[in-house]
PDB file of all heavy atoms in Angstrom:
ATOM      1  N   VAL A   1       1.573  -4.247  18.306  1.00  0.00           N
ATOM      2  CA  VAL A   1       2.637  -3.288  18.613  1.00  0.00           C
ATOM      3  C   VAL A   1       2.054  -1.904  18.770  1.00  0.00           C
ATOM      4  O   VAL A   1       1.247  -1.487  17.979  1.00  0.00           O
ATOM      5  CB  VAL A   1       3.692  -3.307  17.501  1.00  0.00           C
ATOM      6  CG1 VAL A   1       4.770  -2.242  17.805  1.00  0.00           C
ATOM      7  CG2 VAL A   1       4.342  -4.672  17.295  1.00  0.00           C
ATOM      8  N   THR A   2       2.447  -1.260  19.862  1.00  0.00           N
ATOM      9  CA  THR A   2       2.057   0.118  20.120  1.00  0.00           C
ATOM     10  C   THR A   2       3.257   0.989  20.299  1.00  0.00           C
ATOM     11  O   THR A   2       4.159   0.577  21.053  1.00  0.00           O
ATOM     12  CB  THR A   2       1.155   0.209  21.388  1.00  0.00           C
ATOM     13  OG1 THR A   2       0.002  -0.635  21.228  1.00  0.00           O
ATOM     14  CG2 THR A   2       0.686   1.645  21.634  1.00  0.00           C
ATOM     15  N   LEU A   3       3.274   2.129  19.671  1.00  0.00           N
ATOM     16  CA  LEU A   3       4.384   3.112  19.849  1.00  0.00           C
ATOM     17  C   LEU A   3       3.921   4.122  20.922  1.00  0.00           C
ATOM     18  O   LEU A   3       2.856   4.777  20.737  1.00  0.00           O
ATOM     19  CB  LEU A   3       4.686   3.847  18.604  1.00  0.00           C
ATOM     20  CG  LEU A   3       5.136   2.976  17.403  1.00  0.00           C
ATOM     21  CD1 LEU A   3       5.390   3.861  16.180  1.00  0.00           C
ATOM     22  CD2 LEU A   3       6.411   2.236  17.761  1.00  0.00           C
ATOM     23  N   ALA A   4       4.668   4.191  22.008  1.00  0.00           N
ATOM     24  CA  ALA A   4       4.350   5.087  23.139  1.00  0.00           C
ATOM     25  C   ALA A   4       5.183   6.336  23.018  1.00  0.00           C
ATOM     26  O   ALA A   4       6.423   6.275  22.870  1.00  0.00           O
ATOM     27  CB  ALA A   4       4.532   4.413  24.451  1.00  0.00           C
ATOM     28  N   ALA A   5       4.523   7.506  23.110  1.00  0.00           N
ATOM     29  CA  ALA A   5       5.203   8.816  23.092  1.00  0.00           C
ATOM     30  C   ALA A   5       6.069   9.072  21.871  1.00  0.00           C
ATOM     31  O   ALA A   5       7.205   9.615  22.087  1.00  0.00           O
ATOM     32  CB  ALA A   5       5.965   9.012  24.439  1.00  0.00           C
ATOM     33  N   PRO A   6       5.645   8.728  20.667  1.00  0.00           N
ATOM     34  CA  PRO A   6       6.512   9.019  19.544  1.00  0.00           C
ATOM     35  C   PRO A   6       6.381  10.500  19.162  1.00  0.00           C
ATOM     36  O   PRO A   6       5.291  11.114  19.273  1.00  0.00           O
ATOM     37  CB  PRO A   6       5.913   8.182  18.423  1.00  0.00           C
ATOM     38  CG  PRO A   6       4.474   8.072  18.765  1.00  0.00           C
ATOM     39  CD  PRO A   6       4.391   8.035  20.300  1.00  0.00           C
ATOM     40  N   ARG A   7       7.477  11.150  18.778  1.00  0.00           N
ATOM     41  CA  ARG A   7       7.413  12.509  18.362  1.00  0.00           C
ATOM     42  C   ARG A   7       6.842  12.517  16.908  1.00  0.00           C
ATOM     43  O   ARG A   7       7.044  11.566  16.112  1.00  0.00           O
ATOM     44  CB  ARG A   7       8.841  13.072  18.351  1.00  0.00           C
ATOM     45  CG  ARG A   7       9.430  13.010  19.711  1.00  0.00           C
ATOM     46  CD  ARG A   7      10.745  13.798  19.790  1.00  0.00           C
ATOM     47  NE  ARG A   7      11.371  13.585  21.110  1.00  0.00           N
ATOM     48  CZ  ARG A   7      12.269  14.438  21.651  1.00  0.00           C
ATOM     49  NH1 ARG A   7      12.639  15.457  20.974  1.00  0.00           N
ATOM     50  NH2 ARG A   7      12.763  14.181  22.856  1.00  0.00           N
ATOM     51  N   ALA A   8       6.196  13.605  16.607  1.00  0.00           N
ATOM     52  CA  ALA A   8       5.507  13.688  15.268  1.00  0.00           C
ATOM     53  C   ALA A   8       6.470  13.525  14.137  1.00  0.00           C
ATOM     54  O   ALA A   8       6.191  12.769  13.191  1.00  0.00           O
ATOM     55  CB  ALA A   8       4.781  15.050  15.162  1.00  0.00           C
ATOM     56  N   GLN A   9       7.650  14.159  14.207  1.00  0.00           N
ATOM     57  CA  GLN A   9       8.629  14.021  13.093  1.00  0.00           C
ATOM     58  C   GLN A   9       9.164  12.633  13.025  1.00  0.00           C
ATOM     59  O   GLN A   9       9.456  12.114  11.944  1.00  0.00           O
ATOM     60  CB  GLN A   9       9.723  15.024  13.258  1.00  0.00           C
ATOM     61  CG  GLN A   9      10.610  14.906  14.431  1.00  0.00           C
ATOM     62  CD  GLN A   9      10.152  15.688  15.688  1.00  0.00           C
ATOM     63  OE1 GLN A   9       8.987  15.849  15.829  1.00  0.00           O
ATOM     64  NE2 GLN A   9      11.114  16.131  16.451  1.00  0.00           N
ATOM     65  N   HIS A  10       9.294  11.938  14.203  1.00  0.00           N
ATOM     66  CA  HIS A  10       9.746  10.575  14.201  1.00  0.00           C
ATOM     67  C   HIS A  10       8.728   9.659  13.569  1.00  0.00           C
ATOM     68  O   HIS A  10       9.076   8.718  12.816  1.00  0.00           O
ATOM     69  CB  HIS A  10      10.119  10.118  15.595  1.00  0.00           C
ATOM     70  CG  HIS A  10      11.243  10.890  16.191  1.00  0.00           C
ATOM     71  ND1 HIS A  10      11.607  10.724  17.538  1.00  0.00           N
ATOM     72  CD2 HIS A  10      12.142  11.772  15.696  1.00  0.00           C
ATOM     73  CE1 HIS A  10      12.656  11.521  17.766  1.00  0.00           C
ATOM     74  NE2 HIS A  10      12.985  12.163  16.645  1.00  0.00           N
ATOM     75  N   LEU A  11       7.429   9.905  13.845  1.00  0.00           N
ATOM     76  CA  LEU A  11       6.394   9.096  13.269  1.00  0.00           C
ATOM     77  C   LEU A  11       6.312   9.217  11.792  1.00  0.00           C
ATOM     78  O   LEU A  11       6.156   8.237  11.037  1.00  0.00           O
ATOM     79  CB  LEU A  11       5.076   9.501  13.915  1.00  0.00           C
ATOM     80  CG  LEU A  11       3.928   8.477  13.934  1.00  0.00           C
ATOM     81  CD1 LEU A  11       4.340   7.168  14.532  1.00  0.00           C
ATOM     82  CD2 LEU A  11       2.737   9.012  14.658  1.00  0.00           C
ATOM     83  N   ASP A  12       6.534  10.429  11.286  1.00  0.00           N
ATOM     84  CA  ASP A  12       6.584  10.664   9.857  1.00  0.00           C
ATOM     85  C   ASP A  12       7.727   9.841   9.185  1.00  0.00           C
ATOM     86  O   ASP A  12       7.523   9.257   8.112  1.00  0.00           O
ATOM     87  CB  ASP A  12       6.781  12.157   9.554  1.00  0.00           C
ATOM     88  CG  ASP A  12       5.518  12.962   9.916  1.00  0.00           C
ATOM     89  OD1 ASP A  12       4.448  12.304  10.012  1.00  0.00           O
ATOM     90  OD2 ASP A  12       5.615  14.216  10.076  1.00  0.00           O
ATOM     91  N   MET A  13       8.863   9.850   9.834  1.00  0.00           N
ATOM     92  CA  MET A  13      10.051   9.123   9.265  1.00  0.00           C
ATOM     93  C   MET A  13       9.789   7.649   9.285  1.00  0.00           C
ATOM     94  O   MET A  13      10.098   6.912   8.351  1.00  0.00           O
ATOM     95  CB  MET A  13      11.265   9.447  10.047  1.00  0.00           C
ATOM     96  CG  MET A  13      11.753  10.909   9.929  1.00  0.00           C
ATOM     97  SD  MET A  13      13.341  11.186  10.678  1.00  0.00           S
ATOM     98  CE  MET A  13      14.448  10.373   9.551  1.00  0.00           C
ATOM     99  N   LEU A  14       9.183   7.109  10.366  1.00  0.00           N
ATOM    100  CA  LEU A  14       8.858   5.690  10.466  1.00  0.00           C
ATOM    101  C   LEU A  14       7.852   5.264   9.356  1.00  0.00           C
ATOM    102  O   LEU A  14       8.046   4.206   8.718  1.00  0.00           O
ATOM    103  CB  LEU A  14       8.293   5.377  11.826  1.00  0.00           C
ATOM    104  CG  LEU A  14       9.302   5.343  13.024  1.00  0.00           C
ATOM    105  CD1 LEU A  14       8.599   5.300  14.339  1.00  0.00           C
ATOM    106  CD2 LEU A  14      10.214   4.118  12.866  1.00  0.00           C
ATOM    107  N   ARG A  15       6.903   6.058   9.122  1.00  0.00           N
ATOM    108  CA  ARG A  15       5.935   5.777   8.018  1.00  0.00           C
ATOM    109  C   ARG A  15       6.602   5.806   6.717  1.00  0.00           C
ATOM    110  O   ARG A  15       6.303   4.945   5.828  1.00  0.00           O
ATOM    111  CB  ARG A  15       4.779   6.746   8.125  1.00  0.00           C
ATOM    112  CG  ARG A  15       3.859   6.480   9.296  1.00  0.00           C
ATOM    113  CD  ARG A  15       2.858   7.564   9.548  1.00  0.00           C
ATOM    114  NE  ARG A  15       1.892   7.255  10.617  1.00  0.00           N
ATOM    115  CZ  ARG A  15       1.272   8.156  11.336  1.00  0.00           C
ATOM    116  NH1 ARG A  15       1.386   9.460  11.088  1.00  0.00           N
ATOM    117  NH2 ARG A  15       0.496   7.765  12.351  1.00  0.00           N
ATOM    118  N   ALA A  16       7.489   6.741   6.524  1.00  0.00           N
ATOM    119  CA  ALA A  16       8.237   6.784   5.219  1.00  0.00           C
ATOM    120  C   ALA A  16       9.186   5.632   5.060  1.00  0.00           C
ATOM    121  O   ALA A  16       9.482   5.171   3.996  1.00  0.00           O
ATOM    122  CB  ALA A  16       9.046   8.093   5.150  1.00  0.00           C
ATOM    123  N   ALA A  17       9.537   5.007   6.185  1.00  0.00           N
ATOM    124  CA  ALA A  17      10.477   3.861   6.185  1.00  0.00           C
ATOM    125  C   ALA A  17       9.698   2.546   6.121  1.00  0.00           C
ATOM    126  O   ALA A  17      10.322   1.502   6.108  1.00  0.00           O
ATOM    127  CB  ALA A  17      11.374   3.901   7.426  1.00  0.00           C
ATOM    128  N   GLY A  18       8.402   2.634   6.015  1.00  0.00           N
ATOM    129  CA  GLY A  18       7.610   1.347   5.875  1.00  0.00           C
ATOM    130  C   GLY A  18       6.879   0.905   7.083  1.00  0.00           C
ATOM    131  O   GLY A  18       6.421  -0.268   7.144  1.00  0.00           O
ATOM    132  N   LEU A  19       6.637   1.763   8.075  1.00  0.00           N
ATOM    133  CA  LEU A  19       5.829   1.415   9.221  1.00  0.00           C
ATOM    134  C   LEU A  19       4.434   1.089   8.796  1.00  0.00           C
ATOM    135  O   LEU A  19       3.833   1.886   8.091  1.00  0.00           O
ATOM    136  CB  LEU A  19       5.835   2.527  10.240  1.00  0.00           C
ATOM    137  CG  LEU A  19       5.037   2.285  11.527  1.00  0.00           C
ATOM    138  CD1 LEU A  19       5.713   1.263  12.400  1.00  0.00           C
ATOM    139  CD2 LEU A  19       4.831   3.651  12.262  1.00  0.00           C
ATOM    140  N   PRO A  20       3.844  -0.066   9.174  1.00  0.00           N
ATOM    141  CA  PRO A  20       2.467  -0.347   8.842  1.00  0.00           C
ATOM    142  C   PRO A  20       1.534   0.734   9.250  1.00  0.00           C
ATOM    143  O   PRO A  20       1.596   1.337  10.329  1.00  0.00           O
ATOM    144  CB  PRO A  20       2.155  -1.628   9.611  1.00  0.00           C
ATOM    145  CG  PRO A  20       3.484  -2.328   9.710  1.00  0.00           C
ATOM    146  CD  PRO A  20       4.472  -1.194   9.931  1.00  0.00           C
ATOM    147  N   ALA A  21       0.659   1.146   8.288  1.00  0.00           N
ATOM    148  CA  ALA A  21      -0.204   2.321   8.555  1.00  0.00           C
ATOM    149  C   ALA A  21      -1.071   2.145   9.780  1.00  0.00           C
ATOM    150  O   ALA A  21      -1.461   3.146  10.352  1.00  0.00           O
ATOM    151  CB  ALA A  21      -1.046   2.564   7.291  1.00  0.00           C
ATOM    152  N   ASP A  22      -1.489   0.939  10.109  1.00  0.00           N
ATOM    153  CA  ASP A  22      -2.426   0.714  11.224  1.00  0.00           C
ATOM    154  C   ASP A  22      -1.710   0.451  12.573  1.00  0.00           C
ATOM    155  O   ASP A  22      -2.305   0.033  13.534  1.00  0.00           O
ATOM    156  CB  ASP A  22      -3.346  -0.477  10.960  1.00  0.00           C
ATOM    157  CG  ASP A  22      -2.532  -1.739  10.672  1.00  0.00           C
ATOM    158  OD1 ASP A  22      -1.345  -1.667  10.507  1.00  0.00           O
ATOM    159  OD2 ASP A  22      -3.179  -2.848  10.644  1.00  0.00           O
ATOM    160  N   THR A  23      -0.408   0.792  12.642  1.00  0.00           N
ATOM    161  CA  THR A  23       0.324   0.626  13.874  1.00  0.00           C
ATOM    162  C   THR A  23      -0.244   1.573  14.915  1.00  0.00           C
ATOM    163  O   THR A  23      -0.349   2.814  14.631  1.00  0.00           O
ATOM    164  CB  THR A  23       1.831   0.883  13.716  1.00  0.00           C
ATOM    165  OG1 THR A  23       2.302  -0.016  12.766  1.00  0.00           O
ATOM    166  CG2 THR A  23       2.590   0.657  14.979  1.00  0.00           C
ATOM    167  N   ALA A  24      -0.571   1.062  16.103  1.00  0.00           N
ATOM    168  CA  ALA A  24      -1.196   1.927  17.171  1.00  0.00           C
ATOM    169  C   ALA A  24      -0.138   2.840  17.791  1.00  0.00           C
ATOM    170  O   ALA A  24       1.073   2.492  17.895  1.00  0.00           O
ATOM    171  CB  ALA A  24      -1.792   1.019  18.219  1.00  0.00           C
ATOM    172  N   THR A  25      -0.607   3.996  18.236  1.00  0.00           N
ATOM    173  CA  THR A  25       0.266   4.925  18.969  1.00  0.00           C
ATOM    174  C   THR A  25      -0.489   5.342  20.272  1.00  0.00           C
ATOM    175  O   THR A  25      -1.681   5.263  20.419  1.00  0.00           O
ATOM    176  CB  THR A  25       0.585   6.152  18.155  1.00  0.00           C
ATOM    177  OG1 THR A  25      -0.634   6.831  17.832  1.00  0.00           O
ATOM    178  CG2 THR A  25       1.251   5.805  16.853  1.00  0.00           C
ATOM    179  N   ALA A  26       0.311   5.802  21.230  1.00  0.00           N
ATOM    180  CA  ALA A  26      -0.248   6.224  22.500  1.00  0.00           C
ATOM    181  C   ALA A  26       0.642   7.378  23.018  1.00  0.00           C
ATOM    182  O   ALA A  26       1.804   7.399  22.724  1.00  0.00           O
ATOM    183  CB  ALA A  26      -0.326   5.075  23.504  1.00  0.00           C
ATOM    184  N   PRO A  27       0.046   8.269  23.829  1.00  0.00           N
ATOM    185  CA  PRO A  27       0.819   9.379  24.321  1.00  0.00           C
ATOM    186  C   PRO A  27       1.901   9.025  25.315  1.00  0.00           C
ATOM    187  O   PRO A  27       2.844   9.721  25.554  1.00  0.00           O
ATOM    188  CB  PRO A  27      -0.233  10.338  24.946  1.00  0.00           C
ATOM    189  CG  PRO A  27      -1.418   9.482  25.212  1.00  0.00           C
ATOM    190  CD  PRO A  27      -1.367   8.400  24.179  1.00  0.00           C
ATOM    191  N   ASP A  28       1.669   7.893  26.054  1.00  0.00           N
ATOM    192  CA  ASP A  28       2.639   7.420  27.016  1.00  0.00           C
ATOM    193  C   ASP A  28       2.439   5.913  27.214  1.00  0.00           C
ATOM    194  O   ASP A  28       1.495   5.288  26.667  1.00  0.00           O
ATOM    195  CB  ASP A  28       2.513   8.155  28.364  1.00  0.00           C
ATOM    196  CG  ASP A  28       1.085   8.133  28.895  1.00  0.00           C
ATOM    197  OD1 ASP A  28       0.499   7.016  28.905  1.00  0.00           O
ATOM    198  OD2 ASP A  28       0.593   9.216  29.249  1.00  0.00           O
ATOM    199  N   VAL A  29       3.342   5.314  28.060  1.00  0.00           N
ATOM    200  CA  VAL A  29       3.309   3.862  28.248  1.00  0.00           C
ATOM    201  C   VAL A  29       2.035   3.481  28.951  1.00  0.00           C
ATOM    202  O   VAL A  29       1.396   2.460  28.693  1.00  0.00           O
ATOM    203  CB  VAL A  29       4.524   3.449  29.054  1.00  0.00           C
ATOM    204  CG1 VAL A  29       4.394   1.961  29.443  1.00  0.00           C
ATOM    205  CG2 VAL A  29       5.809   3.653  28.259  1.00  0.00           C
ATOM    206  N   GLY A  30       1.584   4.324  29.940  1.00  0.00           N
ATOM    207  CA  GLY A  30       0.361   4.002  30.691  1.00  0.00           C
ATOM    208  C   GLY A  30      -0.859   3.849  29.758  1.00  0.00           C
ATOM    209  O   GLY A  30      -1.664   2.917  29.850  1.00  0.00           O
ATOM    210  N   ALA A  31      -0.981   4.826  28.863  1.00  0.00           N
ATOM    211  CA  ALA A  31      -2.128   4.744  27.945  1.00  0.00           C
ATOM    212  C   ALA A  31      -1.981   3.576  27.007  1.00  0.00           C
ATOM    213  O   ALA A  31      -2.990   2.982  26.604  1.00  0.00           O
ATOM    214  CB  ALA A  31      -2.117   6.056  27.081  1.00  0.00           C
ATOM    215  N   ALA A  32      -0.715   3.239  26.633  1.00  0.00           N
ATOM    216  CA  ALA A  32      -0.518   2.062  25.784  1.00  0.00           C
ATOM    217  C   ALA A  32      -0.938   0.755  26.514  1.00  0.00           C
ATOM    218  O   ALA A  32      -1.585  -0.177  25.892  1.00  0.00           O
ATOM    219  CB  ALA A  32       0.917   1.982  25.338  1.00  0.00           C
ATOM    220  N   ARG A  33      -0.648   0.663  27.796  1.00  0.00           N
ATOM    221  CA  ARG A  33      -1.037  -0.452  28.562  1.00  0.00           C
ATOM    222  C   ARG A  33      -2.567  -0.582  28.655  1.00  0.00           C
ATOM    223  O   ARG A  33      -3.134  -1.715  28.485  1.00  0.00           O
ATOM    224  CB  ARG A  33      -0.510  -0.400  29.991  1.00  0.00           C
ATOM    225  CG  ARG A  33       1.023  -0.702  30.085  1.00  0.00           C
ATOM    226  CD  ARG A  33       1.428  -0.544  31.583  1.00  0.00           C
ATOM    227  NE  ARG A  33       2.866  -0.730  31.773  1.00  0.00           N
ATOM    228  CZ  ARG A  33       3.512  -1.949  31.808  1.00  0.00           C
ATOM    229  NH1 ARG A  33       2.792  -3.023  31.721  1.00  0.00           N
ATOM    230  NH2 ARG A  33       4.781  -1.952  31.983  1.00  0.00           N
TER     231      ARG A  33
END
């Protein structure tokens, strides 16, 4: 699973809600692909 273009505050909330620490992120969908 890769999160594309997540906002910083949203990423903090997801981690607080139990998002696995090693979940990948990318600045946009193209980079995620």
